[in-house]
Structure formats: structure tokens, C-alpha cells
Amino acid sequence: MTDIAAGLGIVVRSADAEQLTIAGNVTRLLAEGSRTGGAFSAVRATLEPGADGARPHHHARASELFFVIQGAVDILIGDAVVTARAGDLAVVAPRAMHAFANGSASEALDVLIVFGPGIERFDYFRLLRDVVAGKASVADVLATQARFDNWFGESPAWATHRSASGRSGG
């Protein structure tokens, strides 16, 4: 990451972004809220065909923006599941239950995800990596819901959708 003089901005080089591999998902940590003056946080995720991105949850304060670079993403927004494809943009409002997964059984998904306003969220993604690796527990993740403004819930619509696609996803 390169800071621009006098706090006017940053440039994040792809090669410099921290990369986390989490069960069929490669997440590149691009910019945290502290680096953007609190305006937003951004990550880029590449999901294998059919892979889950996030289980149903909502953010009390943040909107979540998805810009599809390649592939197709299935996104739960409230009780509806929509598919966004390369070039599409979807925004989920604060408090709206949402989840996402690769909508294709054969093509990788590449998606830019932006949270606004920005908070320090990178440790959340590191914690998820640690859960998958057996170094942390789901209880550890649940204990951070307020810190990361990431509140888990259930969605019958998402569970039905993921079952129909041959996947699970509470």
C-alpha cells in the first residue's frame, strides 16, 4: 500500500495486498477504514465454483457493496436471492439480512466488496481463516459481532436456495 502525500489517498498494489485462503475462497485485504479516513473498507474475493462467501448476517451500521469483476454471485438481500454478473453492482443497506455465494457451478467468481462506513474489519477475515484452520472457534467469531458490526442470523430463503443448488448455507 502506498500512502499519497498529506493523507490525500492510498494506492493498494495487488501484489502487496494480504491474501487469505479460506475454504474455496481467496480474500485479498485491500483497504481498512483507518486508511480511508473511515469512508470505507474494501476486500476482493475470488470464490471457487459453487463456494460460499458469507452466511446470512447483517450490519447494523454499514452498507455492503458488491461489484462483480468476473463470474456470477448469488446474493441474499432480505428474503430475495438475486444473481449479479460481471459488470453488475449490488448494494445491501444497513440492517438488511444478506449472504453471498458463487452462483456458478463451473466458473470462478471475482468480486470487489466495499463496506461503508469503513471500520477495522481485516481481523474478522483473519479470524475466519483461523476458524477454518482449527485455531479458533465459532464462539470466538460470535463474540466479535459488535466489534466488526457483523450480526449472524438465519434465512429460510437462503437455506432453500443453497439446498436447491446442491449446497448448504443456514
Foldseek 3Di string as FASTA:
>chain_A
DAQDPPLPAGDFDQVNFDWFDFDQKIKTFGAFCVSNVQFKGKIKMKGDAFFWDFFKWFFQQKKKKKAWQAAWKWKDWALDTDIDHHGDMDIHDGPTIMTMTGPGNHDMTIIMMMIPRGHGCVVLVVVSSCCRVVNDHVVVNCVCCVVNRIGHDDHPSVQVVSVVVVHGGD
